[in-house]
C-alpha atoms as a PDB file:
ATOM      1  CA  MET A   1      71.053  76.425 125.729  1.00  0.00           C
ATOM      2  CA  LYS A   2      72.081  75.744 129.303  1.00  0.00           C
ATOM      3  CA  LYS A   3      73.592  72.398 130.213  1.00  0.00           C
ATOM      4  CA  THR A   4      73.719  70.655 133.550  1.00  0.00           C
ATOM      5  CA  ILE A   5      76.981  69.872 135.254  1.00  0.00           C
ATOM      6  CA  ARG A   6      76.330  66.204 134.548  1.00  0.00           C
ATOM      7  CA  GLN A   7      75.863  66.860 130.810  1.00  0.00           C
ATOM      8  CA  LEU A   8      79.069  68.878 130.663  1.00  0.00           C
ATOM      9  CA  ARG A   9      80.956  66.181 132.572  1.00  0.00           C
ATOM     10  CA  GLU A  10      79.634  63.367 130.389  1.00  0.00           C
ATOM     11  CA  GLU A  11      80.428  65.274 127.181  1.00  0.00           C
ATOM     12  CA  ARG A  12      84.058  65.347 128.318  1.00  0.00           C
ATOM     13  CA  GLY A  13      83.941  61.644 129.152  1.00  0.00           C
ATOM     14  CA  GLU A  14      84.808  62.307 132.771  1.00  0.00           C
ATOM     15  CA  SER A  15      83.777  60.266 135.764  1.00  0.00           C
ATOM     16  CA  THR A  16      82.355  61.861 138.872  1.00  0.00           C
ATOM     17  CA  MET A  17      85.627  61.007 140.616  1.00  0.00           C
ATOM     18  CA  GLN A  18      87.664  62.851 137.987  1.00  0.00           C
ATOM     19  CA  LEU A  19      85.517  65.961 138.345  1.00  0.00           C
ATOM     20  CA  ALA A  20      85.700  65.727 142.133  1.00  0.00           C
ATOM     21  CA  ASP A  21      89.510  65.643 141.872  1.00  0.00           C
ATOM     22  CA  VAL A  22      89.564  68.680 139.580  1.00  0.00           C
ATOM     23  CA  LEU A  23      87.363  70.674 141.956  1.00  0.00           C
ATOM     24  CA  GLY A  24      88.973  69.334 145.114  1.00  0.00           C
ATOM     25  CA  VAL A  25      85.663  68.079 146.505  1.00  0.00           C
ATOM     26  CA  THR A  26      84.090  64.766 147.479  1.00  0.00           C
ATOM     27  CA  LEU A  27      81.961  62.446 145.364  1.00  0.00           C
ATOM     28  CA  GLN A  28      79.027  63.426 147.581  1.00  0.00           C
ATOM     29  CA  ASP A  29      79.592  67.087 146.652  1.00  0.00           C
ATOM     30  CA  ILE A  30      79.493  66.193 142.934  1.00  0.00           C
ATOM     31  CA  HIS A  31      76.313  64.170 143.439  1.00  0.00           C
ATOM     32  CA  GLU A  32      74.674  67.133 145.187  1.00  0.00           C
ATOM     33  CA  LEU A  33      75.798  69.536 142.439  1.00  0.00           C
ATOM     34  CA  GLU A  34      74.525  67.260 139.669  1.00  0.00           C
ATOM     35  CA  GLN A  35      71.177  66.695 141.383  1.00  0.00           C
ATOM     36  CA  GLY A  36      70.672  70.387 142.131  1.00  0.00           C
ATOM     37  CA  ILE A  37      70.563  69.642 145.859  1.00  0.00           C
ATOM     38  CA  ALA A  38      73.326  72.155 146.519  1.00  0.00           C
ATOM     39  CA  GLY A  39      74.729  74.949 144.433  1.00  0.00           C
ATOM     40  CA  PRO A  40      78.431  75.524 143.962  1.00  0.00           C
ATOM     41  CA  SER A  41      80.267  78.198 145.890  1.00  0.00           C
ATOM     42  CA  VAL A  42      81.512  81.144 143.857  1.00  0.00           C
ATOM     43  CA  GLU A  43      84.990  79.599 143.795  1.00  0.00           C
ATOM     44  CA  ARG A  44      83.691  76.203 142.664  1.00  0.00           C
ATOM     45  CA  LEU A  45      81.540  77.831 139.996  1.00  0.00           C
ATOM     46  CA  ARG A  46      84.628  79.661 138.749  1.00  0.00           C
ATOM     47  CA  ARG A  47      86.555  76.376 138.612  1.00  0.00           C
ATOM     48  CA  LEU A  48      83.658  74.650 136.819  1.00  0.00           C
ATOM     49  CA  THR A  49      83.429  77.350 134.151  1.00  0.00           C
ATOM     50  CA  LYS A  50      87.179  77.317 133.609  1.00  0.00           C
ATOM     51  CA  HIS A  51      87.301  73.512 133.479  1.00  0.00           C
ATOM     52  CA  PHE A  52      84.405  73.188 131.028  1.00  0.00           C
ATOM     53  CA  GLY A  53      85.233  76.324 129.047  1.00  0.00           C
ATOM     54  CA  VAL A  54      81.777  77.859 129.494  1.00  0.00           C
ATOM     55  CA  ARG A  55      80.290  80.972 131.078  1.00  0.00           C
ATOM     56  CA  ASP A  56      78.599  80.707 134.453  1.00  0.00           C
ATOM     57  CA  ASP A  57      75.198  81.450 132.924  1.00  0.00           C
ATOM     58  CA  ASP A  58      75.677  78.494 130.527  1.00  0.00           C
ATOM     59  CA  ILE A  59      75.441  76.044 133.440  1.00  0.00           C
ATOM     60  CA  ASP A  60      72.002  74.870 134.580  1.00  0.00           C
ATOM     61  CA  LEU A  61      72.342  74.679 138.351  1.00  0.00           C
ATOM     62  CA  GLU A  62      68.751  73.464 138.804  1.00  0.00           C
ATOM     63  CA  PRO A  63      68.583  70.272 136.710  1.00  0.00           C
ATOM     64  CA  GLY A  64      65.116  69.344 137.964  1.00  0.00           C
ATOM     65  CA  HIS A  65      63.741  72.798 137.169  1.00  0.00           C
ATOM     66  CA  SER A  66      61.626  72.951 134.049  1.00  0.00           C
ATOM     67  CA  ALA A  67      62.437  76.075 132.062  1.00  0.00           C
ATOM     68  CA  SER A  68      59.609  78.518 131.502  1.00  0.00           C
ATOM     69  CA  LEU A  69      58.598  79.456 127.979  1.00  0.00           C
ATOM     70  CA  GLY A  70      60.356  82.811 128.422  1.00  0.00           C
ATOM     71  CA  GLU A  71      63.576  81.065 129.460  1.00  0.00           C
ATOM     72  CA  GLN A  72      63.340  78.666 126.538  1.00  0.00           C
ATOM     73  CA  LEU A  73      62.801  81.541 124.095  1.00  0.00           C
ATOM     74  CA  GLY A  74      65.647  83.508 125.667  1.00  0.00           C
ATOM     75  CA  ASP A  75      67.948  80.507 125.277  1.00  0.00           C
ATOM     76  CA  ALA A  76      66.873  80.038 121.670  1.00  0.00           C
ATOM     77  CA  LEU A  77      67.536  83.696 120.835  1.00  0.00           C
ATOM     78  CA  THR A  78      70.870  83.987 122.630  1.00  0.00           C
ATOM     79  CA  PRO A  79      73.806  83.631 120.247  1.00  0.00           C
END
């Protein structure tokens, strides 16, 4: 199941400032990423996946988006 950047960050016990430092971005950038206002660049997405130890398709970049039934079933069936 996909997780938002905020969920991944909170699971690690990191603050927004700590994640901003890791990515080399501002707090505003983290806020926009976590709210789905802006998506990460390819380089930032690569850093996020490396930092959190996940694949890029494991990150929900649209936290306000409600998954369709097909997406939910696909997530449930994906090992």
